[in-house]
């Protein structure tokens, strides 16, 4: 069955996205990006012809940008829900990113066992809002609408 993608010409935009972090409600990230890859190397045979390929390691990255106020809520969850006192020990069991518009099927990407390895905070004169950026990996992998890498 074909998936209905566009209703009256409307495509997904930021208002179509809902982001959820297990154990941590009330956060509205400003941005999320995630990617994954699997190394593949060509294997050559006689005459320099390709015989096939070998596979290497899988990799992924997760980046989240949020207002400082939302980061403070996340830090409260680190203490209460995750029972951690060190930021880099936190493993968020699941982050979901759902895409939906009225009349369309919801698509949900799932990032499992996310742990962060970098946090960037900045405040400067003239800032209208303060943003915190988190970078890490999804140890449990990334499933795009139910399909893993």
Protein backbone atom coordinates (compact mmCIF):
# COMPACT_ATOMS: atom_id res chain seq x y z
CA UNK A 1 0.00 0.00 0.00
CA UNK A 2 1.40 3.38 -0.92
CA UNK A 3 2.03 5.85 1.87
CA UNK A 4 0.18 9.15 1.57
CA UNK A 5 2.89 11.80 1.84
CA UNK A 6 1.43 15.16 0.86
CA UNK A 7 -1.99 16.61 1.70
CA UNK A 8 -3.01 19.70 -0.27
CA UNK A 9 0.64 20.32 -1.18
CA UNK A 10 1.82 20.47 2.48
CA UNK A 11 5.10 18.67 3.16
CA UNK A 12 6.82 18.01 6.49
CA UNK A 13 8.32 21.06 8.19
CA UNK A 14 9.45 21.86 11.75
CA UNK A 15 5.82 22.14 12.91
CA UNK A 16 5.35 18.51 11.81
CA UNK A 17 8.04 17.21 14.18
CA UNK A 18 7.51 15.93 17.73
CA UNK A 19 10.56 14.92 19.77
CA UNK A 20 10.31 12.80 22.91
CA UNK A 21 13.00 11.78 25.39
CA UNK A 22 12.10 8.90 27.71
CA UNK A 23 12.18 9.86 31.37
CA UNK A 24 12.21 13.55 30.52
CA UNK A 25 8.98 15.34 29.64
CA UNK A 26 8.40 18.98 28.81
CA UNK A 27 11.48 19.50 26.64
CA UNK A 28 11.11 21.07 23.20
CA UNK A 29 14.46 20.85 21.37
CA UNK A 30 15.14 23.55 18.79
CA UNK A 31 16.98 21.13 16.52
CA UNK A 32 17.89 17.47 16.28
CA UNK A 33 20.10 15.77 13.73
CA UNK A 34 21.21 12.17 13.54
CA UNK A 35 23.01 10.03 11.03
CA UNK A 36 24.40 6.55 10.73
CA UNK A 37 26.71 4.71 8.39
CA UNK A 38 28.24 1.29 7.80
CA UNK A 39 31.69 0.97 6.27
CA UNK A 40 31.89 -1.01 3.03
CA UNK A 41 35.09 -1.80 1.20
CA UNK A 42 35.33 -3.13 -2.34
CA UNK A 43 37.14 -6.45 -2.77
CA UNK A 44 39.01 -6.90 -6.07
CA UNK A 45 39.84 -10.04 -7.98
CA UNK A 46 41.78 -10.97 -11.09
CA UNK A 47 42.17 -8.18 -13.62
CA UNK A 48 41.24 -5.49 -11.13
CA UNK A 49 37.57 -6.40 -11.33
CA UNK A 50 35.32 -5.99 -8.34
CA UNK A 51 34.40 -9.37 -6.80
CA UNK A 52 32.28 -8.06 -3.96
CA UNK A 53 32.57 -6.05 -0.81
CA UNK A 54 33.44 -6.42 2.84
CA UNK A 55 31.74 -4.68 5.70
CA UNK A 56 33.31 -2.76 8.54
CA UNK A 57 32.06 -0.99 11.61
CA UNK A 58 28.77 0.82 12.03
CA UNK A 59 28.86 4.42 13.27
CA UNK A 60 26.28 7.03 14.20
CA UNK A 61 26.00 10.50 15.69
CA UNK A 62 23.24 12.36 17.48
CA UNK A 63 23.10 16.15 17.93
CA UNK A 64 20.44 18.03 19.88
CA UNK A 65 20.10 21.77 20.37
CA UNK A 66 17.79 23.13 23.08
CA UNK A 67 17.12 26.29 25.04
CA UNK A 68 18.99 26.63 28.34
CA UNK A 69 15.64 26.37 30.16
CA UNK A 70 14.98 22.97 28.55
CA UNK A 71 18.54 21.88 29.34
CA UNK A 72 17.84 22.70 33.00
CA UNK A 73 14.76 20.42 32.86
CA UNK A 74 16.94 17.71 31.29
CA UNK A 75 19.52 18.13 34.08
CA UNK A 76 16.72 17.74 36.67
CA UNK A 77 15.79 14.47 34.92
CA UNK A 78 19.43 13.38 35.04
CA UNK A 79 19.23 13.56 38.83
CA UNK A 80 15.64 12.32 39.32
CA UNK A 81 14.79 9.87 36.49
CA UNK A 82 18.22 8.62 35.51
CA UNK A 83 19.66 8.73 39.07
CA UNK A 84 23.02 10.08 37.87
CA UNK A 85 25.34 12.71 39.31
CA UNK A 86 27.67 12.81 36.30
CA UNK A 87 26.38 14.07 32.95
CA UNK A 88 28.54 11.78 30.83
CA UNK A 89 27.23 8.68 32.66
CA UNK A 90 23.67 9.32 31.44
CA UNK A 91 22.13 6.94 28.90
CA UNK A 92 18.76 8.11 27.57
CA UNK A 93 16.88 4.86 26.87
CA UNK A 94 14.99 6.23 23.87
CA UNK A 95 14.60 9.41 21.87
CA UNK A 96 11.77 9.43 19.35
CA UNK A 97 11.37 11.81 16.44
CA UNK A 98 7.91 11.66 14.89
CA UNK A 99 6.84 13.34 11.66
CA UNK A 100 3.11 13.87 11.14
CA UNK A 101 0.67 16.25 9.53
CA UNK A 102 -3.12 16.11 9.59
CA UNK A 103 -4.30 13.43 7.20
CA UNK A 104 -0.87 11.77 6.89
CA UNK A 105 0.58 8.65 8.42
CA UNK A 106 2.97 9.26 11.33
CA UNK A 107 6.58 8.26 10.70
CA UNK A 108 8.72 7.69 13.80
CA UNK A 109 12.50 7.41 14.02
CA UNK A 110 13.87 5.86 17.22
CA UNK A 111 17.32 6.54 18.68
CA UNK A 112 18.09 3.92 21.33
CA UNK A 113 20.45 4.16 24.32
CA UNK A 114 21.71 7.66 23.56
CA UNK A 115 24.74 8.83 25.53
CA UNK A 116 26.36 12.22 25.16
CA UNK A 117 30.08 12.92 24.74
CA UNK A 118 30.02 16.70 24.31
CA UNK A 119 27.97 19.63 25.56
CA UNK A 120 28.40 23.21 24.38
CA UNK A 121 27.03 26.20 26.31
CA UNK A 122 27.41 29.85 25.43
CA UNK A 123 26.11 33.20 26.62
CA UNK A 124 26.96 36.50 24.94
CA UNK A 125 25.83 40.10 25.00
CA UNK A 126 22.89 40.62 22.68
CA UNK A 127 21.67 37.01 22.81
CA UNK A 128 17.87 36.76 22.64
CA UNK A 129 17.98 33.23 24.01
CA UNK A 130 20.63 30.86 25.30
CA UNK A 131 21.13 27.54 23.55
CA UNK A 132 22.82 24.33 24.67
CA UNK A 133 24.12 21.83 22.13
CA UNK A 134 24.60 18.15 22.96
CA UNK A 135 26.48 15.62 20.83
CA UNK A 136 26.68 11.88 21.30
CA UNK A 137 25.91 8.45 19.92
CA UNK A 138 22.98 6.04 19.89
CA UNK A 139 24.62 2.92 21.31
CA UNK A 140 21.48 0.89 20.61
CA UNK A 141 21.31 2.20 17.06
CA UNK A 142 18.96 4.29 14.96
CA UNK A 143 15.76 2.94 13.44
CA UNK A 144 14.24 5.04 10.67
CA UNK A 145 10.50 4.33 10.66
CA UNK A 146 11.19 0.88 12.13
CA UNK A 147 14.11 -0.06 9.86
CA UNK A 148 17.55 -0.28 11.47
CA UNK A 149 20.88 0.28 9.75
